[in-house]
Amino acid sequence: MNMTIQNNASALQAFSNQISVSSNNVANSLSDEFKADRAYNVEAENGQVQTSISKTQASAPLVKDPLKNDGSLKELSNTDIAEEMVVQMQAQNGFDANAKMIQAYDETTGTLLDIIG
């Protein structure tokens, strides 16, 4: 049973990492030429959960640079706010589910200890 709690704890950390990466993307969504990161949770040894982070290479819209008079273009951020909202909702649900598993384990252990005496 202890291994299960460790797995849930590693999942809590992984979902927290996902939310942090997504929050960073949102915070930089108005920064020119910002490339969003993507955090993927993958199964590691013994059922643990790890986060793999990679930078997206998708191009962003090009717009006329208002600070230059030569007609040059600049690239905007490739962050999609709607996609980030979905990522954050999924990560929050995963976090909540694993927290409830730990809570259920704690309550069950407490009940068993009360019964034993």
Protein backbone atom coordinates (compact mmCIF):
# COMPACT_ATOMS: atom_id res chain seq x y z
CA MET A 1 0.00 0.00 0.00
CA ASN A 2 2.93 2.36 0.69
CA MET A 3 3.99 2.09 -2.95
CA THR A 4 0.55 3.33 -3.99
CA ILE A 5 0.92 6.44 -1.84
CA GLN A 6 4.35 7.09 -3.37
CA ASN A 7 2.85 6.75 -6.84
CA ASN A 8 0.07 9.18 -5.95
CA ALA A 9 2.58 11.62 -4.45
CA SER A 10 4.70 11.50 -7.61
CA ALA A 11 1.54 12.12 -9.66
CA LEU A 12 0.72 15.16 -7.49
CA GLN A 13 4.18 16.55 -8.26
CA ALA A 14 3.82 15.78 -11.98
CA PHE A 15 0.43 17.52 -12.23
CA SER A 16 1.84 20.46 -10.29
CA ASN A 17 4.68 20.65 -12.85
CA GLN A 18 2.14 20.65 -15.68
CA ILE A 19 0.24 23.53 -14.12
CA SER A 20 3.49 25.48 -13.59
CA VAL A 21 4.58 25.04 -17.21
CA SER A 22 1.15 26.04 -18.49
CA SER A 23 1.05 29.07 -16.17
CA ASN A 24 4.43 30.17 -17.51
CA ASN A 25 3.06 29.89 -21.05
CA VAL A 26 0.07 32.06 -20.16
CA ALA A 27 2.26 34.63 -18.40
CA ASN A 28 4.41 34.95 -21.52
CA SER A 29 1.61 34.76 -24.08
CA LEU A 30 2.05 38.42 -25.04
CA SER A 31 5.85 38.21 -25.30
CA ASP A 32 7.06 38.44 -28.89
CA GLU A 33 8.74 35.29 -30.24
CA PHE A 34 7.92 33.29 -27.09
CA LYS A 35 7.76 29.54 -27.75
CA ALA A 36 5.42 27.70 -25.40
CA ASP A 37 6.58 24.62 -23.49
CA ARG A 38 4.55 21.44 -23.20
CA ALA A 39 4.66 19.17 -20.14
CA TYR A 40 3.79 15.49 -20.57
CA ASN A 41 3.33 13.11 -17.67
CA VAL A 42 4.79 9.68 -18.33
CA GLU A 43 5.00 6.50 -16.31
CA ALA A 44 8.43 5.83 -14.85
CA GLU A 45 9.81 2.91 -12.85
CA ASN A 46 7.58 1.24 -10.24
CA GLY A 47 4.50 3.10 -11.42
CA GLN A 48 5.89 6.51 -10.50
CA VAL A 49 4.93 9.51 -12.64
CA GLN A 50 7.49 11.86 -14.18
CA THR A 51 7.07 15.04 -16.19
CA SER A 52 8.79 15.43 -19.54
CA ILE A 53 9.01 19.04 -20.76
CA SER A 54 9.61 20.04 -24.37
CA LYS A 55 9.46 23.33 -26.25
CA THR A 56 6.91 23.59 -29.04
CA GLN A 57 8.35 24.64 -32.37
CA ALA A 58 5.10 25.68 -34.01
CA SER A 59 5.37 29.01 -35.71
CA ALA A 60 3.30 31.93 -34.55
CA PRO A 61 1.59 34.66 -36.56
CA LEU A 62 3.79 37.30 -38.16
CA VAL A 63 2.67 40.92 -37.83
CA LYS A 64 4.06 44.24 -38.95
CA ASP A 65 6.41 45.63 -36.31
CA PRO A 66 4.91 48.98 -35.21
CA LEU A 67 8.24 50.14 -33.77
CA LYS A 68 9.99 50.01 -37.15
CA ASN A 69 9.17 52.02 -40.23
CA ASP A 70 10.78 49.62 -42.71
CA GLY A 71 7.79 47.26 -42.96
CA SER A 72 9.60 44.44 -41.17
CA LEU A 73 7.64 41.68 -39.49
CA LYS A 74 7.87 40.23 -36.01
CA GLU A 75 6.68 36.86 -34.72
CA LEU A 76 4.18 36.79 -31.89
CA SER A 77 3.99 34.12 -29.16
CA ASN A 78 2.76 30.68 -30.22
CA THR A 79 0.83 30.24 -26.96
CA ASP A 80 -2.82 29.26 -27.40
CA ILE A 81 -4.71 30.46 -24.32
CA ALA A 82 -7.66 28.10 -24.95
CA GLU A 83 -5.29 25.12 -25.11
CA GLU A 84 -3.58 26.23 -21.90
CA MET A 85 -6.95 26.42 -20.14
CA VAL A 86 -7.73 22.83 -21.14
CA VAL A 87 -4.28 21.68 -19.97
CA GLN A 88 -4.77 23.39 -16.62
CA MET A 89 -8.23 21.90 -16.14
CA GLN A 90 -6.96 18.39 -16.93
CA ALA A 91 -4.00 18.82 -14.60
CA GLN A 92 -6.25 20.12 -11.81
CA ASN A 93 -8.58 17.13 -12.18
CA GLY A 94 -5.62 14.72 -12.09
CA PHE A 95 -4.22 16.49 -9.04
CA ASP A 96 -7.59 16.33 -7.24
CA ALA A 97 -8.05 12.62 -8.04
CA ASN A 98 -4.64 11.69 -6.65
CA ALA A 99 -5.14 13.87 -3.56
CA LYS A 100 -8.44 12.05 -2.90
CA MET A 101 -6.67 8.69 -3.21
CA ILE A 102 -4.16 9.75 -0.56
CA GLN A 103 -6.97 11.05 1.64
CA ALA A 104 -8.89 7.76 1.30
CA TYR A 105 -5.75 5.80 2.22
CA ASP A 106 -5.25 8.01 5.27
CA GLU A 107 -8.86 7.61 6.40
CA THR A 108 -8.76 3.83 5.88
CA THR A 109 -5.54 3.53 7.86
CA GLY A 110 -7.05 5.61 10.66
CA THR A 111 -10.17 3.44 10.75
CA LEU A 112 -8.09 0.27 10.86
CA LEU A 113 -5.99 1.64 13.71
CA ASP A 114 -9.17 2.56 15.61
CA ILE A 115 -10.53 -0.98 15.14
CA ILE A 116 -7.26 -2.62 16.21
CA GLY A 117 -7.22 -0.55 19.29
